[in-house]
C-alpha atoms as a PDB file:
ATOM      1  CA  MET A   1       0.000   0.000   0.000  1.00  0.00           C
ATOM      2  CA  SER A   2       1.332   3.418  -0.921  1.00  0.00           C
ATOM      3  CA  THR A   3       1.407   6.099   1.754  1.00  0.00           C
ATOM      4  CA  ILE A   4       1.822   9.844   1.825  1.00  0.00           C
ATOM      5  CA  SER A   5       4.521  11.542   3.833  1.00  0.00           C
ATOM      6  CA  THR A   6       3.837  12.982   7.265  1.00  0.00           C
ATOM      7  CA  ALA A   7       4.715  16.406   5.856  1.00  0.00           C
ATOM      8  CA  ASP A   8       2.138  16.069   3.064  1.00  0.00           C
ATOM      9  CA  LEU A   9      -0.540  14.945   5.516  1.00  0.00           C
ATOM     10  CA  LEU A  10       0.008  17.887   7.854  1.00  0.00           C
ATOM     11  CA  SER A  11       0.265  20.276   4.914  1.00  0.00           C
ATOM     12  CA  ALA A  12      -3.145  19.173   3.619  1.00  0.00           C
ATOM     13  CA  LEU A  13      -4.776  19.461   7.041  1.00  0.00           C
ATOM     14  CA  THR A  14      -3.230  22.889   7.601  1.00  0.00           C
ATOM     15  CA  TRP A  15      -4.401  24.027   4.138  1.00  0.00           C
ATOM     16  CA  ARG A  16      -7.966  22.908   4.893  1.00  0.00           C
ATOM     17  CA  TYR A  17     -10.329  25.419   6.434  1.00  0.00           C
ATOM     18  CA  ALA A  18     -14.093  25.916   6.618  1.00  0.00           C
ATOM     19  CA  THR A  19     -14.430  27.611   3.251  1.00  0.00           C
ATOM     20  CA  LYS A  20     -16.647  30.679   3.423  1.00  0.00           C
ATOM     21  CA  GLN A  21     -16.724  31.506  -0.286  1.00  0.00           C
ATOM     22  CA  PHE A  22     -16.637  28.925  -3.064  1.00  0.00           C
ATOM     23  CA  ASP A  23     -15.907  29.681  -6.712  1.00  0.00           C
ATOM     24  CA  PRO A  24     -19.088  28.627  -8.563  1.00  0.00           C
ATOM     25  CA  ALA A  25     -17.177  28.366 -11.840  1.00  0.00           C
ATOM     26  CA  LYS A  26     -14.900  25.607 -10.529  1.00  0.00           C
ATOM     27  CA  LYS A  27     -16.347  22.089 -10.502  1.00  0.00           C
ATOM     28  CA  ILE A  28     -14.960  18.885  -9.025  1.00  0.00           C
ATOM     29  CA  ASP A  29     -14.041  16.452 -11.799  1.00  0.00           C
ATOM     30  CA  ALA A  30     -15.760  13.081 -12.000  1.00  0.00           C
ATOM     31  CA  ALA A  31     -12.770  10.964 -10.946  1.00  0.00           C
ATOM     32  CA  THR A  32     -12.072  13.102  -7.882  1.00  0.00           C
ATOM     33  CA  TRP A  33     -15.709  13.092  -6.849  1.00  0.00           C
ATOM     34  CA  THR A  34     -15.985   9.328  -7.262  1.00  0.00           C
ATOM     35  CA  ALA A  35     -13.009   8.935  -4.923  1.00  0.00           C
ATOM     36  CA  LEU A  36     -14.716  11.168  -2.352  1.00  0.00           C
ATOM     37  CA  GLU A  37     -17.935   9.162  -2.612  1.00  0.00           C
ATOM     38  CA  ASP A  38     -15.922   6.004  -2.058  1.00  0.00           C
ATOM     39  CA  ALA A  39     -14.277   7.622   0.974  1.00  0.00           C
ATOM     40  CA  LEU A  40     -17.773   8.113   2.399  1.00  0.00           C
ATOM     41  CA  VAL A  41     -18.679   4.487   1.770  1.00  0.00           C
ATOM     42  CA  LEU A  42     -15.454   3.381   3.462  1.00  0.00           C
ATOM     43  CA  ALA A  43     -16.077   5.435   6.612  1.00  0.00           C
ATOM     44  CA  PRO A  44     -15.935   3.410   9.838  1.00  0.00           C
ATOM     45  CA  SER A  45     -18.851   3.073  12.238  1.00  0.00           C
ATOM     46  CA  SER A  46     -19.561   1.266  15.484  1.00  0.00           C
ATOM     47  CA  PHE A  47     -20.169  -2.447  14.806  1.00  0.00           C
ATOM     48  CA  GLY A  48     -19.866  -1.529  11.123  1.00  0.00           C
ATOM     49  CA  LEU A  49     -23.613  -0.767  11.134  1.00  0.00           C
ATOM     50  CA  GLN A  50     -23.417   2.372   8.951  1.00  0.00           C
ATOM     51  CA  PRO A  51     -26.587   4.037  10.314  1.00  0.00           C
ATOM     52  CA  TRP A  52     -26.572   6.757   7.692  1.00  0.00           C
ATOM     53  CA  LYS A  53     -27.405   7.976   4.228  1.00  0.00           C
ATOM     54  CA  PHE A  54     -25.430  10.486   2.171  1.00  0.00           C
ATOM     55  CA  LEU A  55     -27.376  12.721  -0.219  1.00  0.00           C
ATOM     56  CA  VAL A  56     -25.194  14.173  -2.987  1.00  0.00           C
ATOM     57  CA  ILE A  57     -26.596  17.324  -4.567  1.00  0.00           C
ATOM     58  CA  THR A  58     -25.297  18.968  -7.740  1.00  0.00           C
ATOM     59  CA  ASP A  59     -28.540  20.389  -9.168  1.00  0.00           C
ATOM     60  CA  GLN A  60     -28.267  24.168  -8.973  1.00  0.00           C
ATOM     61  CA  ALA A  61     -31.940  24.786  -8.186  1.00  0.00           C
ATOM     62  CA  THR A  62     -31.809  22.330  -5.304  1.00  0.00           C
ATOM     63  CA  LYS A  63     -28.616  23.870  -3.949  1.00  0.00           C
ATOM     64  CA  ASP A  64     -30.167  27.338  -4.197  1.00  0.00           C
ATOM     65  CA  SER A  65     -33.243  26.148  -2.318  1.00  0.00           C
ATOM     66  CA  LEU A  66     -31.131  25.090   0.658  1.00  0.00           C
ATOM     67  CA  VAL A  67     -29.669  28.562   1.237  1.00  0.00           C
ATOM     68  CA  PRO A  68     -32.742  30.047   2.985  1.00  0.00           C
ATOM     69  CA  LEU A  69     -32.965  26.884   5.082  1.00  0.00           C
ATOM     70  CA  SER A  70     -29.370  27.450   6.232  1.00  0.00           C
ATOM     71  CA  TRP A  71     -29.220  30.961   7.654  1.00  0.00           C
ATOM     72  CA  GLY A  72     -28.573  32.351   4.164  1.00  0.00           C
ATOM     73  CA  GLN A  73     -25.172  30.696   3.816  1.00  0.00           C
ATOM     74  CA  ARG A  74     -24.165  30.960   0.149  1.00  0.00           C
ATOM     75  CA  GLN A  75     -21.642  28.138   0.263  1.00  0.00           C
ATOM     76  CA  LEU A  76     -24.466  25.723  -0.494  1.00  0.00           C
ATOM     77  CA  ALA A  77     -25.319  27.444  -3.762  1.00  0.00           C
ATOM     78  CA  ASP A  78     -21.784  28.187  -4.910  1.00  0.00           C
ATOM     79  CA  ALA A  79     -20.081  24.882  -4.113  1.00  0.00           C
ATOM     80  CA  SER A  80     -19.619  22.260  -6.808  1.00  0.00           C
ATOM     81  CA  HIS A  81     -21.283  19.519  -4.719  1.00  0.00           C
ATOM     82  CA  VAL A  82     -23.220  19.396  -1.473  1.00  0.00           C
ATOM     83  CA  VAL A  83     -23.399  16.321   0.743  1.00  0.00           C
ATOM     84  CA  VAL A  84     -26.216  16.109   3.267  1.00  0.00           C
ATOM     85  CA  PHE A  85     -25.501  13.616   6.040  1.00  0.00           C
ATOM     86  CA  ALA A  86     -28.596  11.874   7.407  1.00  0.00           C
ATOM     87  CA  VAL A  87     -28.923   9.491  10.346  1.00  0.00           C
ATOM     88  CA  LYS A  88     -30.981   6.284  10.322  1.00  0.00           C
ATOM     89  CA  PHE A  89     -33.452   6.042  13.186  1.00  0.00           C
ATOM     90  CA  PRO A  90     -34.653   3.884  14.668  1.00  0.00           C
ATOM     91  CA  VAL A  91     -31.879   1.354  14.280  1.00  0.00           C
ATOM     92  CA  THR A  92     -33.674  -1.979  14.389  1.00  0.00           C
ATOM     93  CA  ALA A  93     -32.975  -5.707  14.604  1.00  0.00           C
ATOM     94  CA  GLU A  94     -33.743  -5.787  10.871  1.00  0.00           C
ATOM     95  CA  ASP A  95     -30.947  -3.281  10.230  1.00  0.00           C
ATOM     96  CA  VAL A  96     -28.585  -5.424  12.260  1.00  0.00           C
ATOM     97  CA  HIS A  97     -29.572  -8.528  10.322  1.00  0.00           C
ATOM     98  CA  ALA A  98     -29.054  -6.742   7.000  1.00  0.00           C
ATOM     99  CA  HIS A  99     -25.524  -5.908   8.131  1.00  0.00           C
ATOM    100  CA  ILE A 100     -24.914  -9.534   9.106  1.00  0.00           C
ATOM    101  CA  VAL A 101     -26.153 -10.743   5.714  1.00  0.00           C
ATOM    102  CA  ARG A 102     -23.881  -8.265   3.957  1.00  0.00           C
ATOM    103  CA  THR A 103     -20.956  -9.387   6.113  1.00  0.00           C
ATOM    104  CA  SER A 104     -21.643 -12.977   5.124  1.00  0.00           C
ATOM    105  CA  GLU A 105     -21.724 -12.021   1.439  1.00  0.00           C
ATOM    106  CA  VAL A 106     -18.517  -9.981   1.530  1.00  0.00           C
ATOM    107  CA  GLN A 107     -16.420 -12.117   3.858  1.00  0.00           C
ATOM    108  CA  GLY A 108     -17.765 -15.529   2.942  1.00  0.00           C
ATOM    109  CA  ALA A 109     -18.703 -16.411   6.510  1.00  0.00           C
ATOM    110  CA  PRO A 110     -21.797 -18.579   7.038  1.00  0.00           C
ATOM    111  CA  LEU A 111     -24.688 -16.796   8.729  1.00  0.00           C
ATOM    112  CA  GLU A 112     -24.709 -19.250  11.603  1.00  0.00           C
ATOM    113  CA  ALA A 113     -21.090 -18.361  12.398  1.00  0.00           C
ATOM    114  CA  LEU A 114     -22.129 -14.707  12.750  1.00  0.00           C
ATOM    115  CA  LYS A 115     -25.124 -15.401  14.978  1.00  0.00           C
ATOM    116  CA  GLY A 116     -23.288 -14.576  18.208  1.00  0.00           C
ATOM    117  CA  PHE A 117     -22.140 -11.220  16.856  1.00  0.00           C
ATOM    118  CA  GLU A 118     -25.636 -10.475  15.574  1.00  0.00           C
ATOM    119  CA  ASP A 119     -27.110 -11.192  19.000  1.00  0.00           C
ATOM    120  CA  VAL A 120     -24.631  -8.829  20.670  1.00  0.00           C
ATOM    121  CA  VAL A 121     -25.345  -5.965  18.265  1.00  0.00           C
ATOM    122  CA  ALA A 122     -29.108  -6.509  18.299  1.00  0.00           C
ATOM    123  CA  GLY A 123     -29.002  -6.508  22.099  1.00  0.00           C
ATOM    124  CA  PHE A 124     -27.051  -3.248  22.060  1.00  0.00           C
ATOM    125  CA  VAL A 125     -29.537  -1.373  19.872  1.00  0.00           C
ATOM    126  CA  ALA A 126     -32.535  -2.807  21.748  1.00  0.00           C
ATOM    127  CA  ASN A 127     -31.176  -2.193  25.248  1.00  0.00           C
ATOM    128  CA  PRO A 128     -28.174   0.139  25.048  1.00  0.00           C
ATOM    129  CA  PRO A 129     -25.889   0.200  28.098  1.00  0.00           C
ATOM    130  CA  PHE A 130     -24.870   3.108  30.330  1.00  0.00           C
ATOM    131  CA  GLY A 131     -28.071   5.053  29.635  1.00  0.00           C
ATOM    132  CA  LEU A 132     -26.963   5.518  26.029  1.00  0.00           C
ATOM    133  CA  GLU A 133     -29.569   6.976  23.671  1.00  0.00           C
ATOM    134  CA  VAL A 134     -29.427   5.156  20.325  1.00  0.00           C
ATOM    135  CA  ARG A 135     -30.259   8.128  18.126  1.00  0.00           C
ATOM    136  CA  SER A 136     -27.499  10.173  19.748  1.00  0.00           C
ATOM    137  CA  TRP A 137     -25.090   7.248  19.306  1.00  0.00           C
ATOM    138  CA  ALA A 138     -26.059   6.838  15.654  1.00  0.00           C
ATOM    139  CA  THR A 139     -25.661  10.567  15.039  1.00  0.00           C
ATOM    140  CA  ARG A 140     -22.104  10.408  16.348  1.00  0.00           C
ATOM    141  CA  GLN A 141     -21.378   7.747  13.759  1.00  0.00           C
ATOM    142  CA  VAL A 142     -22.485  10.211  11.081  1.00  0.00           C
ATOM    143  CA  TYR A 143     -19.881  12.685  12.304  1.00  0.00           C
ATOM    144  CA  ILE A 144     -17.182  10.053  11.876  1.00  0.00           C
ATOM    145  CA  ALA A 145     -18.151   9.868   8.193  1.00  0.00           C
ATOM    146  CA  LEU A 146     -18.138  13.665   7.952  1.00  0.00           C
ATOM    147  CA  GLY A 147     -14.625  13.835   9.381  1.00  0.00           C
ATOM    148  CA  GLN A 148     -13.350  11.183   6.969  1.00  0.00           C
ATOM    149  CA  PHE A 149     -14.945  12.997   4.041  1.00  0.00           C
ATOM    150  CA  MET A 150     -13.340  16.308   4.968  1.00  0.00           C
ATOM    151  CA  ALA A 151      -9.905  14.768   5.505  1.00  0.00           C
ATOM    152  CA  ALA A 152     -10.097  12.888   2.202  1.00  0.00           C
ATOM    153  CA  ALA A 153     -11.157  16.065   0.434  1.00  0.00           C
ATOM    154  CA  ALA A 154      -8.220  17.989   1.874  1.00  0.00           C
ATOM    155  CA  LEU A 155      -5.804  15.315   0.705  1.00  0.00           C
ATOM    156  CA  LEU A 156      -7.240  15.688  -2.807  1.00  0.00           C
ATOM    157  CA  GLY A 157      -7.082  19.481  -2.733  1.00  0.00           C
ATOM    158  CA  VAL A 158     -10.854  19.919  -2.455  1.00  0.00           C
ATOM    159  CA  ASP A 159     -12.331  22.529  -0.137  1.00  0.00           C
ATOM    160  CA  THR A 160     -15.192  21.805   2.264  1.00  0.00           C
ATOM    161  CA  CYS A 161     -17.321  23.566   4.849  1.00  0.00           C
ATOM    162  CA  PRO A 162     -19.179  21.538   7.503  1.00  0.00           C
ATOM    163  CA  MET A 163     -22.496  23.237   8.279  1.00  0.00           C
ATOM    164  CA  GLU A 164     -24.762  22.628  11.249  1.00  0.00           C
ATOM    165  CA  GLY A 165     -26.384  26.038  10.793  1.00  0.00           C
ATOM    166  CA  LEU A 166     -29.469  24.675   9.097  1.00  0.00           C
ATOM    167  CA  ASP A 167     -33.072  23.652   9.775  1.00  0.00           C
ATOM    168  CA  PRO A 168     -32.998  19.829   9.824  1.00  0.00           C
ATOM    169  CA  ALA A 169     -36.776  19.397   9.549  1.00  0.00           C
ATOM    170  CA  ALA A 170     -36.930  21.805   6.598  1.00  0.00           C
ATOM    171  CA  TYR A 171     -34.098  19.888   4.921  1.00  0.00           C
ATOM    172  CA  ASP A 172     -35.972  16.626   5.456  1.00  0.00           C
ATOM    173  CA  LYS A 173     -39.016  18.082   3.744  1.00  0.00           C
ATOM    174  CA  ALA A 174     -37.090  19.700   0.890  1.00  0.00           C
ATOM    175  CA  LEU A 175     -35.033  16.587   0.155  1.00  0.00           C
ATOM    176  CA  GLY A 176     -37.819  14.012   0.454  1.00  0.00           C
ATOM    177  CA  LEU A 177     -36.576  12.426   3.655  1.00  0.00           C
ATOM    178  CA  GLU A 178     -39.851  12.755   5.542  1.00  0.00           C
ATOM    179  CA  GLY A 179     -41.177   9.314   6.397  1.00  0.00           C
ATOM    180  CA  SER A 180     -38.027   7.593   5.129  1.00  0.00           C
ATOM    181  CA  GLY A 181     -36.520   6.780   8.530  1.00  0.00           C
ATOM    182  CA  TYR A 182     -33.581   9.116   7.826  1.00  0.00           C
ATOM    183  CA  TYR A 183     -33.090  12.572   9.347  1.00  0.00           C
ATOM    184  CA  THR A 184     -30.776  15.424   8.356  1.00  0.00           C
ATOM    185  CA  VAL A 185     -27.829  15.957  10.684  1.00  0.00           C
ATOM    186  CA  VAL A 186     -25.309  18.167   8.907  1.00  0.00           C
ATOM    187  CA  ALA A 187     -24.433  19.416   5.410  1.00  0.00           C
ATOM    188  CA  CYS A 188     -21.031  19.784   3.788  1.00  0.00           C
ATOM    189  CA  PRO A 189     -20.531  21.811   0.614  1.00  0.00           C
ATOM    190  CA  ALA A 190     -17.449  20.828  -1.386  1.00  0.00           C
ATOM    191  CA  GLY A 191     -15.648  22.567  -4.216  1.00  0.00           C
ATOM    192  CA  TYR A 192     -12.877  25.104  -4.628  1.00  0.00           C
ATOM    193  CA  ARG A 193     -12.263  28.299  -2.685  1.00  0.00           C
ATOM    194  CA  HIS A 194     -12.877  31.638  -4.348  1.00  0.00           C
ATOM    195  CA  ALA A 195      -9.853  33.865  -4.808  1.00  0.00           C
ATOM    196  CA  ASP A 196     -11.651  36.563  -2.815  1.00  0.00           C
ATOM    197  CA  ASP A 197     -12.234  34.436   0.287  1.00  0.00           C
ATOM    198  CA  LYS A 198     -10.260  36.356   2.877  1.00  0.00           C
ATOM    199  CA  TYR A 199     -10.394  33.434   5.302  1.00  0.00           C
ATOM    200  CA  ALA A 200      -8.221  31.260   3.047  1.00  0.00           C
ATOM    201  CA  THR A 201      -4.996  32.980   4.059  1.00  0.00           C
ATOM    202  CA  ARG A 202      -5.686  33.508   7.736  1.00  0.00           C
ATOM    203  CA  PRO A 203      -3.497  31.417  10.032  1.00  0.00           C
ATOM    204  CA  LYS A 204      -5.290  28.452  11.569  1.00  0.00           C
ATOM    205  CA  VAL A 205      -6.073  29.131  15.227  1.00  0.00           C
ATOM    206  CA  ARG A 206      -5.530  26.157  17.508  1.00  0.00           C
ATOM    207  CA  PHE A 207      -4.502  25.826  21.142  1.00  0.00           C
ATOM    208  CA  PRO A 208      -0.944  24.591  21.688  1.00  0.00           C
ATOM    209  CA  LYS A 209      -0.608  20.825  21.567  1.00  0.00           C
ATOM    210  CA  GLU A 210       0.311  20.621  25.234  1.00  0.00           C
ATOM    211  CA  ASN A 211      -3.028  22.257  26.113  1.00  0.00           C
ATOM    212  CA  VAL A 212      -5.157  19.653  24.381  1.00  0.00           C
ATOM    213  CA  LEU A 213      -3.073  16.492  24.298  1.00  0.00           C
ATOM    214  CA  THR A 214      -1.874  14.431  27.255  1.00  0.00           C
ATOM    215  CA  ARG A 215       0.377  11.427  26.757  1.00  0.00           C
ATOM    216  CA  LEU A 216      -0.389   8.730  29.320  1.00  0.00           C
ATOM    217  CA  ALA A 217       2.410   6.327  30.158  1.00  0.00           C
END
């Protein structure tokens, strides 16, 4: 497996920022976008359950319609692509079984050999431990996918802007999610920064490493 250098990794993550102004004339090419879609599919999740759906939007009218549902943020209209991240809820025993069947197909394991694992996962979603709320847990899985998408985009030189400043219920209605069992969590426009975006050249503000990282022996 080929790897990138540590310098290239940190350079890409330093270059990345929450893009405030996209260049509407610059579009992501098909090969690059396919790789980013595949990065979404490859995102990890607890138990591998993947309690999510990713809506990819390139239609200009649809992108425009999301702006008033998102505090007027123009990134949605000007970006090349918009991904809306939706969470699956409820997560049911049927969802768990579908994952087990898919595991059997991909890994060649007989279903009966996976029965113990299925029982554990089904028990978790039916009676979560520690007072855990399943929808909250599933939503956190969605954010794992968002983080992977943004990191992959940065490595490919694509700009992104994660956006929670939106009306989830209005998104659900606008995008046909009502009654589907999926609910909007967050949106992420992707494309290329506009030359006039003043935020592109501002130094990234982070606390010193020693303030946020503790090495335990």
